[in-house]
N, C-alpha and C. Protein backbone atom coordinates (compact mmCIF):
# COMPACT_ATOMS: atom_id res chain seq x y z
N MET A 1 25.31 31.02 53.76
CA MET A 1 26.43 31.22 52.87
C MET A 1 26.49 32.71 52.52
N THR A 2 27.67 33.28 52.57
CA THR A 2 27.82 34.70 52.26
C THR A 2 27.94 34.89 50.74
N LEU A 3 27.78 36.12 50.32
CA LEU A 3 27.93 36.45 48.91
C LEU A 3 29.33 36.10 48.43
N GLY A 4 30.33 36.34 49.26
CA GLY A 4 31.70 35.98 48.90
C GLY A 4 31.87 34.49 48.71
N ASP A 5 31.24 33.69 49.57
CA ASP A 5 31.29 32.23 49.43
C ASP A 5 30.68 31.79 48.11
N ILE A 6 29.54 32.38 47.78
CA ILE A 6 28.84 32.03 46.54
C ILE A 6 29.69 32.42 45.33
N ALA A 7 30.22 33.65 45.34
CA ALA A 7 31.04 34.12 44.22
C ALA A 7 32.26 33.23 44.01
N ALA A 8 32.89 32.84 45.10
CA ALA A 8 34.07 31.98 44.99
C ALA A 8 33.71 30.59 44.50
N ALA A 9 32.65 30.02 45.04
CA ALA A 9 32.27 28.65 44.68
C ALA A 9 31.88 28.55 43.21
N LEU A 10 31.27 29.59 42.67
CA LEU A 10 30.83 29.56 41.27
C LEU A 10 31.75 30.34 40.34
N ASP A 11 32.90 30.74 40.86
CA ASP A 11 33.91 31.45 40.07
C ASP A 11 33.31 32.65 39.34
N MET A 12 32.53 33.45 40.07
CA MET A 12 31.91 34.64 39.49
C MET A 12 32.89 35.81 39.52
N GLU A 13 32.78 36.66 38.53
CA GLU A 13 33.57 37.87 38.50
C GLU A 13 32.86 38.95 39.31
N ILE A 14 33.57 39.58 40.21
CA ILE A 14 33.00 40.66 41.02
C ILE A 14 33.19 41.95 40.24
N LEU A 15 32.10 42.54 39.80
CA LEU A 15 32.15 43.75 38.98
C LEU A 15 32.25 45.02 39.81
N THR A 16 32.04 44.90 41.10
CA THR A 16 32.10 46.06 42.01
C THR A 16 33.12 45.77 43.11
N PRO A 17 34.40 45.70 42.76
CA PRO A 17 35.41 45.36 43.77
C PRO A 17 35.51 46.40 44.89
N GLU A 18 34.94 47.57 44.67
CA GLU A 18 34.93 48.59 45.72
C GLU A 18 34.06 48.17 46.91
N LEU A 19 33.16 47.24 46.67
CA LEU A 19 32.24 46.75 47.70
C LEU A 19 32.67 45.36 48.15
N SER A 20 32.75 45.15 49.44
CA SER A 20 33.15 43.84 49.96
C SER A 20 32.00 42.84 49.81
N VAL A 21 32.34 41.65 49.37
CA VAL A 21 31.35 40.56 49.31
C VAL A 21 31.67 39.49 50.36
N ASN A 22 32.68 39.73 51.15
CA ASN A 22 33.07 38.78 52.18
C ASN A 22 32.42 39.15 53.50
N GLY A 23 32.05 38.15 54.25
CA GLY A 23 31.38 38.42 55.52
C GLY A 23 29.98 38.93 55.28
N GLY A 24 29.43 39.57 56.26
CA GLY A 24 28.09 40.15 56.10
C GLY A 24 27.00 39.11 56.24
N ALA A 25 25.83 39.50 55.80
CA ALA A 25 24.64 38.68 55.95
C ALA A 25 24.70 37.41 55.11
N GLU A 26 24.04 36.41 55.60
CA GLU A 26 23.90 35.17 54.85
C GLU A 26 22.93 35.38 53.69
N VAL A 27 23.22 34.74 52.57
CA VAL A 27 22.33 34.78 51.42
C VAL A 27 21.78 33.37 51.24
N GLY A 28 20.48 33.24 51.37
CA GLY A 28 19.87 31.92 51.28
C GLY A 28 18.80 31.80 50.22
N ARG A 29 18.57 32.91 49.48
CA ARG A 29 17.52 32.90 48.48
C ARG A 29 18.00 33.57 47.19
N ALA A 30 17.35 33.23 46.10
CA ALA A 30 17.67 33.83 44.81
C ALA A 30 16.42 33.88 43.95
N HIS A 31 16.49 34.69 42.92
CA HIS A 31 15.36 34.84 42.00
C HIS A 31 15.93 35.05 40.60
N ALA A 32 15.40 34.36 39.63
CA ALA A 32 15.85 34.49 38.25
C ALA A 32 14.74 35.07 37.40
N SER A 33 14.98 36.25 36.83
CA SER A 33 13.97 36.87 35.97
C SER A 33 14.60 38.02 35.20
N ASP A 34 14.06 38.25 34.01
CA ASP A 34 14.45 39.40 33.21
C ASP A 34 13.32 40.41 33.11
N LEU A 35 12.19 40.12 33.73
CA LEU A 35 11.04 41.00 33.74
C LEU A 35 11.04 41.74 35.07
N LEU A 36 11.40 43.02 35.04
CA LEU A 36 11.65 43.74 36.28
C LEU A 36 10.39 43.94 37.12
N SER A 37 9.23 44.04 36.53
CA SER A 37 8.00 44.14 37.33
C SER A 37 7.77 42.84 38.09
N GLU A 38 8.14 41.73 37.51
CA GLU A 38 8.01 40.44 38.18
C GLU A 38 9.01 40.33 39.32
N VAL A 39 10.20 40.89 39.14
CA VAL A 39 11.20 40.92 40.21
C VAL A 39 10.66 41.71 41.40
N LEU A 40 10.08 42.87 41.13
CA LEU A 40 9.51 43.68 42.21
C LEU A 40 8.43 42.92 42.97
N ALA A 41 7.65 42.15 42.27
CA ALA A 41 6.54 41.43 42.90
C ALA A 41 6.98 40.17 43.63
N ASN A 42 8.07 39.53 43.19
CA ASN A 42 8.35 38.19 43.69
C ASN A 42 9.75 37.91 44.23
N ALA A 43 10.70 38.77 44.00
CA ALA A 43 12.06 38.49 44.46
C ALA A 43 12.14 38.54 45.98
N PRO A 44 12.85 37.60 46.59
CA PRO A 44 12.95 37.58 48.04
C PRO A 44 13.93 38.63 48.57
N SER A 45 13.50 39.42 49.52
CA SER A 45 14.37 40.43 50.13
C SER A 45 15.63 39.75 50.68
N GLY A 46 16.78 40.36 50.43
CA GLY A 46 18.04 39.79 50.89
C GLY A 46 18.60 38.72 49.98
N GLY A 47 17.92 38.45 48.88
CA GLY A 47 18.36 37.40 47.96
C GLY A 47 19.17 37.95 46.79
N LEU A 48 19.50 37.06 45.89
CA LEU A 48 20.23 37.40 44.66
C LEU A 48 19.25 37.51 43.51
N LEU A 49 19.55 38.38 42.57
CA LEU A 49 18.80 38.44 41.32
C LEU A 49 19.71 37.93 40.21
N LEU A 50 19.22 36.95 39.46
CA LEU A 50 19.92 36.45 38.27
C LEU A 50 19.21 37.03 37.06
N THR A 51 19.95 37.71 36.20
CA THR A 51 19.34 38.36 35.04
C THR A 51 20.37 38.59 33.93
N ILE A 52 19.84 38.81 32.73
CA ILE A 52 20.71 39.24 31.62
C ILE A 52 20.48 40.72 31.32
N GLN A 53 19.53 41.34 32.02
CA GLN A 53 19.27 42.77 31.85
C GLN A 53 20.44 43.56 32.46
N VAL A 54 20.95 44.53 31.74
CA VAL A 54 22.14 45.26 32.21
C VAL A 54 21.94 46.78 32.30
N HIS A 55 20.71 47.25 32.23
CA HIS A 55 20.48 48.69 32.23
C HIS A 55 20.27 49.23 33.64
N MET A 56 20.20 50.55 33.75
CA MET A 56 20.12 51.23 35.03
C MET A 56 18.91 50.83 35.86
N ASN A 57 17.80 50.48 35.20
CA ASN A 57 16.61 50.11 35.95
C ASN A 57 16.81 48.86 36.80
N VAL A 58 17.73 48.01 36.42
CA VAL A 58 18.02 46.82 37.23
C VAL A 58 18.51 47.23 38.62
N ILE A 59 19.32 48.26 38.66
CA ILE A 59 19.85 48.74 39.95
C ILE A 59 18.70 49.27 40.80
N ALA A 60 17.86 50.10 40.22
CA ALA A 60 16.73 50.68 40.95
C ALA A 60 15.80 49.58 41.48
N VAL A 61 15.50 48.61 40.66
CA VAL A 61 14.60 47.52 41.07
C VAL A 61 15.24 46.68 42.16
N ALA A 62 16.51 46.35 42.01
CA ALA A 62 17.19 45.54 43.03
C ALA A 62 17.21 46.25 44.38
N LEU A 63 17.44 47.55 44.36
CA LEU A 63 17.45 48.32 45.60
C LEU A 63 16.05 48.39 46.21
N HIS A 64 15.07 48.65 45.40
CA HIS A 64 13.69 48.73 45.89
C HIS A 64 13.23 47.39 46.47
N ALA A 65 13.65 46.30 45.85
CA ALA A 65 13.27 44.96 46.32
C ALA A 65 14.11 44.49 47.51
N GLY A 66 15.14 45.26 47.86
CA GLY A 66 15.97 44.89 49.00
C GLY A 66 16.87 43.70 48.74
N LEU A 67 17.33 43.57 47.51
CA LEU A 67 18.18 42.43 47.15
C LEU A 67 19.62 42.63 47.62
N ALA A 68 20.30 41.53 47.85
CA ALA A 68 21.68 41.57 48.33
C ALA A 68 22.67 41.85 47.21
N ALA A 69 22.35 41.40 46.00
CA ALA A 69 23.28 41.56 44.87
C ALA A 69 22.57 41.19 43.58
N VAL A 70 23.18 41.59 42.48
CA VAL A 70 22.70 41.21 41.14
C VAL A 70 23.80 40.38 40.49
N VAL A 71 23.39 39.25 39.93
CA VAL A 71 24.30 38.39 39.17
C VAL A 71 23.87 38.45 37.71
N PHE A 72 24.76 38.97 36.88
CA PHE A 72 24.50 39.00 35.44
C PHE A 72 24.98 37.68 34.85
N THR A 73 24.09 36.98 34.18
CA THR A 73 24.42 35.67 33.64
C THR A 73 24.71 35.75 32.14
N SER A 74 25.14 34.63 31.58
CA SER A 74 25.45 34.51 30.16
C SER A 74 26.48 35.53 29.69
N GLY A 75 27.37 35.92 30.60
CA GLY A 75 28.44 36.86 30.26
C GLY A 75 27.99 38.30 30.14
N ALA A 76 26.75 38.60 30.50
CA ALA A 76 26.25 39.96 30.41
C ALA A 76 27.01 40.87 31.39
N ARG A 77 27.25 42.09 30.94
CA ARG A 77 27.98 43.07 31.77
C ARG A 77 27.36 44.44 31.55
N PRO A 78 27.11 45.17 32.63
CA PRO A 78 26.54 46.51 32.48
C PRO A 78 27.59 47.51 32.02
N GLU A 79 27.12 48.62 31.51
CA GLU A 79 28.02 49.72 31.16
C GLU A 79 28.58 50.33 32.45
N GLU A 80 29.64 51.10 32.30
CA GLU A 80 30.32 51.67 33.46
C GLU A 80 29.41 52.55 34.31
N GLY A 81 28.52 53.31 33.69
CA GLY A 81 27.62 54.16 34.46
C GLY A 81 26.71 53.37 35.38
N VAL A 82 26.26 52.22 34.93
CA VAL A 82 25.42 51.34 35.75
C VAL A 82 26.24 50.79 36.91
N ARG A 83 27.46 50.38 36.61
CA ARG A 83 28.35 49.85 37.64
C ARG A 83 28.64 50.90 38.71
N VAL A 84 28.93 52.11 38.28
CA VAL A 84 29.23 53.20 39.20
C VAL A 84 28.03 53.49 40.10
N ARG A 85 26.84 53.49 39.52
CA ARG A 85 25.63 53.73 40.31
C ARG A 85 25.45 52.64 41.37
N ALA A 86 25.71 51.40 40.99
CA ALA A 86 25.59 50.29 41.95
C ALA A 86 26.56 50.47 43.12
N VAL A 87 27.78 50.88 42.81
CA VAL A 87 28.77 51.13 43.87
C VAL A 87 28.28 52.23 44.78
N LYS A 88 27.78 53.32 44.20
CA LYS A 88 27.28 54.45 44.98
C LYS A 88 26.16 54.01 45.92
N GLU A 89 25.33 53.09 45.46
CA GLU A 89 24.19 52.61 46.25
C GLU A 89 24.55 51.43 47.15
N GLY A 90 25.78 50.91 47.02
CA GLY A 90 26.21 49.79 47.86
C GLY A 90 25.65 48.44 47.42
N LEU A 91 25.36 48.30 46.14
CA LEU A 91 24.80 47.06 45.60
C LEU A 91 25.86 46.28 44.83
N PRO A 92 26.31 45.16 45.36
CA PRO A 92 27.31 44.36 44.64
C PRO A 92 26.76 43.80 43.32
N LEU A 93 27.60 43.82 42.31
CA LEU A 93 27.29 43.25 41.01
C LEU A 93 28.30 42.16 40.70
N LEU A 94 27.80 41.04 40.19
CA LEU A 94 28.67 39.93 39.81
C LEU A 94 28.31 39.48 38.40
N SER A 95 29.21 38.75 37.77
CA SER A 95 28.94 38.25 36.44
C SER A 95 29.46 36.83 36.31
N THR A 96 28.76 36.05 35.50
CA THR A 96 29.18 34.69 35.21
C THR A 96 28.92 34.39 33.73
N PRO A 97 29.78 33.61 33.11
CA PRO A 97 29.52 33.22 31.72
C PRO A 97 28.44 32.15 31.61
N GLU A 98 28.08 31.54 32.73
CA GLU A 98 27.05 30.48 32.75
C GLU A 98 25.68 31.06 32.42
N THR A 99 24.80 30.23 31.89
CA THR A 99 23.44 30.67 31.61
C THR A 99 22.68 30.86 32.92
N THR A 100 21.56 31.54 32.84
CA THR A 100 20.71 31.73 34.01
C THR A 100 20.25 30.37 34.54
N PHE A 101 19.86 29.49 33.66
CA PHE A 101 19.39 28.16 34.06
C PHE A 101 20.47 27.40 34.82
N ASP A 102 21.68 27.37 34.26
CA ASP A 102 22.76 26.63 34.92
C ASP A 102 23.15 27.28 36.25
N THR A 103 23.18 28.60 36.29
CA THR A 103 23.54 29.29 37.53
C THR A 103 22.49 29.02 38.60
N ALA A 104 21.22 29.10 38.23
CA ALA A 104 20.15 28.83 39.19
C ALA A 104 20.26 27.40 39.72
N GLY A 105 20.55 26.46 38.85
CA GLY A 105 20.70 25.07 39.28
C GLY A 105 21.85 24.89 40.25
N LYS A 106 22.96 25.54 39.98
CA LYS A 106 24.11 25.45 40.88
C LYS A 106 23.82 26.08 42.23
N LEU A 107 23.13 27.22 42.23
CA LEU A 107 22.76 27.87 43.48
C LEU A 107 21.80 26.98 44.28
N TYR A 108 20.88 26.35 43.59
CA TYR A 108 19.94 25.44 44.25
C TYR A 108 20.70 24.27 44.89
N ALA A 109 21.65 23.73 44.15
CA ALA A 109 22.44 22.61 44.67
C ALA A 109 23.27 23.04 45.89
N MET A 110 23.59 24.33 45.99
CA MET A 110 24.33 24.85 47.13
C MET A 110 23.43 25.16 48.32
N GLY A 111 22.14 25.02 48.14
CA GLY A 111 21.21 25.22 49.25
C GLY A 111 20.36 26.47 49.16
N LEU A 112 20.58 27.32 48.16
CA LEU A 112 19.75 28.51 48.02
C LEU A 112 18.39 28.11 47.49
N ARG A 113 17.39 28.83 47.89
CA ARG A 113 16.04 28.56 47.45
C ARG A 113 15.39 29.84 46.95
N GLY A 114 14.25 29.71 46.32
CA GLY A 114 13.50 30.86 45.84
C GLY A 114 12.66 31.43 46.95
N ARG A 115 11.67 32.17 46.57
CA ARG A 115 10.77 32.80 47.53
C ARG A 115 9.89 31.73 48.17
N LEU A 116 9.64 31.89 49.45
CA LEU A 116 8.75 30.94 50.15
C LEU A 116 7.33 31.08 49.71
């Protein structure tokens, strides 16, 4: 399933419309955490990060971990400077009003899994 498929199926807002979420690599894994050191240690490369953290370090961690995108849950939204940095780095950002728990459950039901 592509990032665009996931965003459409869960009615997520694409915060980085400058970056295409259609086509591209399949996304089959996700990780939910607000502790960035834990994300670095355990997030699956090429997967999604679900978090409520909205600061610049989220972008750096997601890039270092090789993640496909960041999904901000519970209606969280980064400031414009964070969004601009993500665009510059080619990291799609999405947002959903759903909680992290509910979003993770929906992604699991769609076939996404955590780290092996």
